Amino acid sequence: MTYIKRRELLGLGVAAGVALTGCLGDGDSESSNDPVVSVSETRYNPRNLSVAVETTVTWVNDNSTIIPQHTVRSKPFLEESADWNFDEELSEEGDEVSYTFETEGLYTYVDTDKGEDCMCGLIAVGDVSYDDPLPCSPVVGGGC
């Protein structure tokens, strides 16, 4: 399983962009179909996401408040949760982090400052699903 921070790819992305300039032709460029999870002040959006194996998910800090810090930390808060190790900080608005899910399963995560009852998320990878509300869902009394 791999993950990449945006800052680590900035130089590589600029170099690749320069190298590709003029080489793409006149056709329409193909955009990425990889899903994005928006991290706002009080929630991950979407809270539940279903993806295929080998999909890269990117979390983007869209919190424009005075204190925009968030985390994305793996935490098995469901009995069915897959075992994975992910712990990333999104310190400022616009920060992003990505993770490629290589194995089928239910991957759960939280914002460590807010906790699973306030700010949590789930990625269902492959031929699995989870339809019940998460602990942070307003339906079960969660959310902040």
Protein backbone atom coordinates (compact mmCIF):
# COMPACT_ATOMS: atom_id res chain seq x y z
CA MET A 1 0.00 0.00 0.00
CA THR A 2 1.38 3.38 -0.94
CA TYR A 3 0.68 6.95 -0.12
CA ILE A 4 2.11 10.21 -1.37
CA LYS A 5 2.14 13.69 0.13
CA ARG A 6 1.51 16.61 -2.21
CA ARG A 7 4.63 18.47 -1.11
CA GLU A 8 6.83 15.50 -2.03
CA LEU A 9 5.40 15.43 -5.55
CA LEU A 10 5.50 19.16 -6.27
CA GLY A 11 8.95 19.13 -7.87
CA LEU A 12 8.23 15.95 -9.81
CA GLY A 13 4.90 17.32 -11.03
CA VAL A 14 6.45 20.55 -12.27
CA ALA A 15 9.21 18.65 -14.07
CA ALA A 16 6.71 16.27 -15.67
CA GLY A 17 4.49 19.16 -16.72
CA VAL A 18 7.40 20.90 -18.41
CA ALA A 19 8.46 17.67 -20.12
CA LEU A 20 4.96 17.04 -21.47
CA THR A 21 4.30 20.57 -22.70
CA GLY A 22 3.74 20.41 -26.43
CA CYS A 23 3.67 16.60 -26.49
CA LEU A 24 0.03 15.97 -25.77
CA GLY A 25 -1.38 16.99 -29.14
CA ASP A 26 -4.62 18.80 -29.86
CA GLY A 27 -7.03 16.19 -28.43
CA ASP A 28 -8.91 16.50 -25.19
CA SER A 29 -6.84 15.66 -22.15
CA GLU A 30 -8.07 12.83 -19.96
CA SER A 31 -8.81 13.85 -16.38
CA SER A 32 -8.20 11.68 -13.34
CA ASN A 33 -11.13 9.62 -12.14
CA ASP A 34 -9.57 9.10 -8.72
CA PRO A 35 -11.96 10.09 -5.92
CA VAL A 36 -11.35 13.04 -3.62
CA VAL A 37 -12.51 13.36 -0.01
CA SER A 38 -13.00 16.95 1.09
CA VAL A 39 -11.92 17.63 4.68
CA SER A 40 -13.99 20.49 6.09
CA GLU A 41 -14.21 21.94 9.58
CA THR A 42 -16.47 19.18 10.91
CA ARG A 43 -16.57 16.27 8.44
CA TYR A 44 -15.08 14.24 5.66
CA ASN A 45 -17.17 14.53 2.50
CA PRO A 46 -18.10 11.98 1.40
CA ARG A 47 -18.14 10.17 4.72
CA ASN A 48 -18.57 6.76 3.01
CA LEU A 49 -16.89 5.98 -0.29
CA SER A 50 -16.82 2.81 -2.44
CA VAL A 51 -13.88 2.24 -4.77
CA ALA A 52 -12.26 -0.55 -6.80
CA VAL A 53 -9.03 -2.23 -5.72
CA GLU A 54 -5.96 -0.25 -6.91
CA THR A 55 -7.81 3.07 -6.60
CA THR A 56 -5.99 6.08 -5.19
CA VAL A 57 -8.07 8.26 -2.86
CA THR A 58 -6.97 11.81 -2.11
CA TRP A 59 -8.01 13.79 0.97
CA VAL A 60 -7.93 17.58 0.50
CA ASN A 61 -8.08 20.06 3.37
CA ASP A 62 -10.87 22.47 2.41
CA ASN A 63 -11.09 24.05 5.87
CA SER A 64 -10.69 27.82 5.60
CA THR A 65 -11.18 28.58 9.31
CA ILE A 66 -8.55 30.16 11.58
CA ILE A 67 -7.39 26.72 12.76
CA PRO A 68 -7.50 24.52 9.62
CA GLN A 69 -5.49 21.51 10.92
CA HIS A 70 -6.87 18.01 10.42
CA THR A 71 -5.57 14.46 10.38
CA VAL A 72 -6.48 11.30 8.52
CA ARG A 73 -5.59 8.40 10.80
CA SER A 74 -6.55 4.77 10.33
CA LYS A 75 -8.64 3.50 13.21
CA PRO A 76 -10.62 0.22 13.27
CA PHE A 77 -13.81 1.52 14.88
CA LEU A 78 -15.95 -1.16 13.19
CA GLU A 79 -15.67 -4.90 13.82
CA GLU A 80 -15.28 -5.38 10.05
CA SER A 81 -12.51 -2.75 9.68
CA ALA A 82 -9.43 -3.76 7.70
CA ASP A 83 -6.04 -3.51 9.34
CA TRP A 84 -4.11 -0.66 7.75
CA ASN A 85 -1.56 1.91 8.86
CA PHE A 86 -2.17 5.48 7.77
CA ASP A 87 -1.52 8.62 9.80
CA GLU A 88 -1.22 11.90 7.93
CA GLU A 89 -1.60 15.54 8.88
CA LEU A 90 -3.28 18.18 6.76
CA SER A 91 -1.96 21.32 8.43
CA GLU A 92 -3.21 24.02 6.10
CA GLU A 93 -6.04 24.67 3.69
CA GLY A 94 -5.14 23.12 0.34
CA ASP A 95 -2.92 20.38 1.80
CA GLU A 96 -3.64 16.95 0.39
CA VAL A 97 -2.56 13.37 0.91
CA SER A 98 -3.25 10.27 -1.17
CA TYR A 99 -3.39 6.54 -0.54
CA THR A 100 -3.70 3.66 -3.00
CA PHE A 101 -5.91 0.85 -1.73
CA GLU A 102 -4.41 -2.42 -2.96
CA THR A 103 -6.51 -4.91 -0.98
CA GLU A 104 -10.26 -5.40 -0.69
CA GLY A 105 -11.82 -4.44 2.65
CA LEU A 106 -13.46 -1.76 4.79
CA TYR A 107 -10.95 0.94 5.71
CA THR A 108 -11.99 3.27 8.53
CA TYR A 109 -10.30 6.48 9.63
CA VAL A 110 -10.77 9.45 11.97
CA ASP A 111 -9.57 12.97 12.60
CA THR A 112 -7.49 12.44 15.74
CA ASP A 113 -8.39 15.84 17.18
CA LYS A 114 -12.12 15.26 16.87
CA GLY A 115 -12.42 11.47 17.30
CA GLU A 116 -14.61 8.75 15.81
CA ASP A 117 -17.87 10.13 17.25
CA CYS A 118 -17.27 13.51 15.65
CA MET A 119 -15.29 13.10 12.44
CA CYS A 120 -14.83 9.71 10.77
CA GLY A 121 -14.88 8.09 7.36
CA LEU A 122 -14.95 4.76 5.58
CA ILE A 123 -13.56 3.54 2.27
CA ALA A 124 -15.17 0.30 1.00
CA VAL A 125 -12.64 -1.26 -1.38
CA GLY A 126 -13.57 -3.95 -3.88
CA ASP A 127 -16.63 -6.17 -3.62
CA VAL A 128 -17.58 -5.12 -0.08
CA SER A 129 -20.05 -2.61 1.27
CA TYR A 130 -21.20 -1.03 4.51
CA ASP A 131 -24.64 0.56 4.62
CA ASP A 132 -25.12 1.31 8.33
CA PRO A 133 -24.50 4.81 9.70
CA LEU A 134 -21.01 5.49 11.05
CA PRO A 135 -20.47 6.63 14.68
CA CYS A 136 -19.92 10.21 13.47
CA SER A 137 -23.16 10.28 11.49
CA PRO A 138 -25.80 12.72 12.78
CA VAL A 139 -28.32 9.86 12.43
CA VAL A 140 -26.69 8.07 15.39
CA GLY A 141 -25.95 11.23 17.36
CA GLY A 142 -22.45 11.80 16.06
CA GLY A 143 -21.04 14.79 14.25
CA CYS A 144 -19.88 18.10 15.67
